[in-house]
């Protein structure tokens, strides 16, 4: 969408225009749903996070200072909303590597085929919730361990441990997938 049209839509959101809010939602909902899905345990939970996030976008739109991209500001709201949902649901961030987790099946037909981006994202979504949250915040969103610890109310050491375990878990699953396709 052109920046001019987005500016018009955003200005409408600033004055509470429902049509403009709907247009902004239409513009960003698919991409933001993907962000929410990375943090959620189910698509239903991701939808709830998305809806709550957009309510915050519309109710706090006057806080956007036009520094940086509007999409980035909305994305940050979605990530923070997902983190709040985890806090509210009291997600445990001390899951064991020995717990049983869902096994990933790939669609790849030959061992010569590399795992595609979508396959990797699917794999990340199967991480245990504690690992996935820290992994997303660190590797994808770019937060430091100190920031993650503060946001999730855990220690920096716990954040580092969760990231290390997430990486190990992903590595183990990738090896399993490679063995299946060999």
Protein backbone atom coordinates (compact mmCIF):
# COMPACT_ATOMS: atom_id res chain seq x y z
CA UNK A 1 0.00 0.00 0.00
CA UNK A 2 1.22 3.48 -0.79
CA UNK A 3 2.45 5.57 2.11
CA UNK A 4 -0.03 8.32 1.17
CA UNK A 5 -3.00 5.93 1.52
CA UNK A 6 -1.59 4.51 4.75
CA UNK A 7 -1.20 8.05 6.09
CA UNK A 8 -4.85 8.79 5.26
CA UNK A 9 -5.96 5.55 6.93
CA UNK A 10 -3.81 6.26 9.99
CA UNK A 11 -5.15 9.80 10.29
CA UNK A 12 -8.65 8.31 10.25
CA UNK A 13 -7.67 5.91 13.04
CA UNK A 14 -6.41 8.84 15.09
CA UNK A 15 -9.91 10.37 15.09
CA UNK A 16 -11.65 7.05 15.76
CA UNK A 17 -12.99 6.47 12.23
CA UNK A 18 -14.24 2.83 12.22
CA UNK A 19 -13.81 2.50 8.45
CA UNK A 20 -10.17 3.57 8.72
CA UNK A 21 -9.65 1.14 11.60
CA UNK A 22 -11.11 -1.66 9.47
CA UNK A 23 -8.83 -0.73 6.56
CA UNK A 24 -5.76 -0.70 8.84
CA UNK A 25 -6.79 -4.07 10.22
CA UNK A 26 -7.19 -5.42 6.67
CA UNK A 27 -3.77 -4.05 5.75
CA UNK A 28 -1.83 -5.61 8.63
CA UNK A 29 -3.89 -8.45 10.11
CA UNK A 30 -2.43 -11.29 8.02
CA UNK A 31 1.17 -10.34 8.76
CA UNK A 32 0.46 -9.68 12.43
CA UNK A 33 -1.40 -12.98 12.72
CA UNK A 34 1.86 -14.66 11.68
CA UNK A 35 3.66 -12.81 14.47
CA UNK A 36 0.99 -13.85 17.00
CA UNK A 37 1.07 -17.45 15.78
CA UNK A 38 4.78 -17.68 16.56
CA UNK A 39 4.01 -17.02 20.23
CA UNK A 40 0.68 -18.78 20.62
CA UNK A 41 -0.01 -22.41 21.44
CA UNK A 42 -2.86 -22.59 18.93
CA UNK A 43 -4.37 -20.60 16.09
CA UNK A 44 -7.32 -19.74 18.35
CA UNK A 45 -4.97 -18.23 20.90
CA UNK A 46 -3.15 -16.36 18.12
CA UNK A 47 -6.49 -14.91 16.96
CA UNK A 48 -7.24 -13.76 20.50
CA UNK A 49 -3.82 -12.13 20.76
CA UNK A 50 -4.33 -10.47 17.36
CA UNK A 51 -7.73 -9.05 18.36
CA UNK A 52 -6.46 -7.81 21.71
CA UNK A 53 -3.42 -6.33 20.00
CA UNK A 54 -5.50 -4.39 17.50
CA UNK A 55 -7.74 -3.09 20.27
CA UNK A 56 -4.56 -1.72 21.86
CA UNK A 57 -3.40 -0.27 18.54
CA UNK A 58 -6.67 1.63 18.18
CA UNK A 59 -6.91 2.72 21.80
CA UNK A 60 -3.27 3.82 22.01
CA UNK A 61 -2.85 5.16 18.47
CA UNK A 62 -2.04 8.65 19.77
CA UNK A 63 1.12 7.20 21.37
CA UNK A 64 2.65 6.45 17.97
CA UNK A 65 5.16 9.24 17.40
CA UNK A 66 5.74 8.58 13.66
CA UNK A 67 9.38 7.70 14.35
CA UNK A 68 10.04 4.39 12.68
CA UNK A 69 7.52 2.43 10.69
CA UNK A 70 3.89 2.10 11.67
CA UNK A 71 4.13 -1.62 10.90
CA UNK A 72 7.02 -1.95 13.34
CA UNK A 73 5.03 -0.15 16.04
CA UNK A 74 2.04 -2.43 15.48
CA UNK A 75 4.32 -5.49 15.50
CA UNK A 76 5.79 -4.47 18.85
CA UNK A 77 2.28 -4.15 20.29
CA UNK A 78 1.46 -7.66 19.04
CA UNK A 79 4.62 -9.12 20.58
CA UNK A 80 3.95 -7.36 23.89
CA UNK A 81 0.34 -8.55 23.83
CA UNK A 82 1.52 -12.13 23.29
CA UNK A 83 3.94 -11.81 26.20
CA UNK A 84 1.16 -10.44 28.41
CA UNK A 85 -1.01 -13.44 27.45
CA UNK A 86 1.79 -15.76 28.53
CA UNK A 87 2.14 -13.95 31.83
CA UNK A 88 -1.61 -14.09 32.38
CA UNK A 89 -1.62 -17.82 31.65
CA UNK A 90 1.47 -18.30 33.82
CA UNK A 91 3.53 -20.14 31.24
CA UNK A 92 6.27 -22.20 32.83
CA UNK A 93 9.69 -21.34 31.47
CA UNK A 94 11.47 -24.37 32.87
CA UNK A 95 10.46 -27.19 30.56
CA UNK A 96 12.71 -30.20 30.38
CA UNK A 97 14.37 -31.48 27.23
CA UNK A 98 13.22 -34.95 28.21
CA UNK A 99 9.51 -34.13 27.96
CA UNK A 100 7.62 -35.67 25.07
CA UNK A 101 6.85 -33.18 22.31
CA UNK A 102 5.15 -33.37 18.96
CA UNK A 103 7.20 -34.88 16.17
CA UNK A 104 7.55 -32.93 12.94
CA UNK A 105 6.78 -34.49 9.62
CA UNK A 106 8.15 -32.88 6.51
CA UNK A 107 6.62 -32.66 3.10
CA UNK A 108 9.95 -33.06 1.37
CA UNK A 109 10.10 -35.92 -1.03
CA UNK A 110 13.85 -36.29 -1.47
CA UNK A 111 16.95 -36.08 0.66
CA UNK A 112 18.42 -33.53 -1.75
CA UNK A 113 15.69 -31.03 -0.89
CA UNK A 114 16.59 -28.41 1.69
CA UNK A 115 14.16 -27.54 4.44
CA UNK A 116 12.27 -24.48 3.31
CA UNK A 117 11.58 -21.35 5.31
CA UNK A 118 7.95 -22.35 5.96
CA UNK A 119 9.11 -25.76 7.22
CA UNK A 120 11.49 -24.03 9.64
CA UNK A 121 8.73 -21.74 10.87
CA UNK A 122 6.48 -24.76 11.34
CA UNK A 123 9.25 -26.41 13.32
CA UNK A 124 9.69 -23.32 15.51
CA UNK A 125 5.96 -23.34 16.28
CA UNK A 126 6.31 -26.84 17.72
CA UNK A 127 8.91 -25.78 20.26
CA UNK A 128 7.71 -26.05 23.85
CA UNK A 129 6.08 -22.72 24.70
CA UNK A 130 8.82 -21.48 27.05
CA UNK A 131 11.56 -22.23 24.55
CA UNK A 132 9.54 -20.77 21.67
CA UNK A 133 8.82 -17.51 23.45
CA UNK A 134 12.45 -16.83 24.32
CA UNK A 135 13.65 -18.05 20.90
CA UNK A 136 11.23 -15.73 19.08
CA UNK A 137 12.08 -12.76 21.27
CA UNK A 138 15.84 -13.25 20.93
CA UNK A 139 16.36 -14.67 17.44
CA UNK A 140 13.49 -13.08 15.57
CA UNK A 141 12.52 -9.90 17.43
CA UNK A 142 16.10 -9.04 18.48
CA UNK A 143 15.58 -8.50 22.20
CA UNK A 144 18.57 -8.94 24.52
CA UNK A 145 18.53 -11.49 27.33
CA UNK A 146 18.26 -8.63 29.80
CA UNK A 147 15.16 -7.27 28.03
CA UNK A 148 13.62 -10.74 27.75
CA UNK A 149 14.23 -11.39 31.44
CA UNK A 150 12.52 -8.14 32.40
CA UNK A 151 9.56 -8.66 30.07
CA UNK A 152 8.95 -12.27 31.11
CA UNK A 153 9.85 -11.80 34.76
CA UNK A 154 12.58 -14.45 34.64
CA UNK A 155 16.34 -14.30 35.21
CA UNK A 156 18.81 -13.56 32.42
CA UNK A 157 20.30 -17.00 33.07
CA UNK A 158 16.88 -18.58 32.57
CA UNK A 159 16.50 -16.68 29.29
CA UNK A 160 19.90 -17.87 28.10
CA UNK A 161 19.12 -21.42 29.19
CA UNK A 162 15.76 -21.40 27.38
CA UNK A 163 17.44 -20.13 24.20
CA UNK A 164 20.15 -22.77 24.44
CA UNK A 165 17.57 -25.51 24.98
CA UNK A 166 15.47 -24.19 22.08
CA UNK A 167 18.46 -24.30 19.77
CA UNK A 168 19.33 -27.83 20.91
CA UNK A 169 15.71 -28.94 20.49
CA UNK A 170 15.59 -27.49 16.96
CA UNK A 171 18.93 -29.06 16.10
CA UNK A 172 17.72 -32.48 17.31
CA UNK A 173 14.51 -32.18 15.27
CA UNK A 174 16.43 -31.13 12.16
CA UNK A 175 18.70 -34.17 12.57
CA UNK A 176 15.60 -36.39 12.91
CA UNK A 177 14.14 -34.88 9.76
CA UNK A 178 17.41 -35.32 7.88
CA UNK A 179 17.57 -38.97 8.98
CA UNK A 180 14.02 -39.53 7.72
CA UNK A 181 14.75 -38.04 4.33
CA UNK A 182 18.08 -39.82 3.87
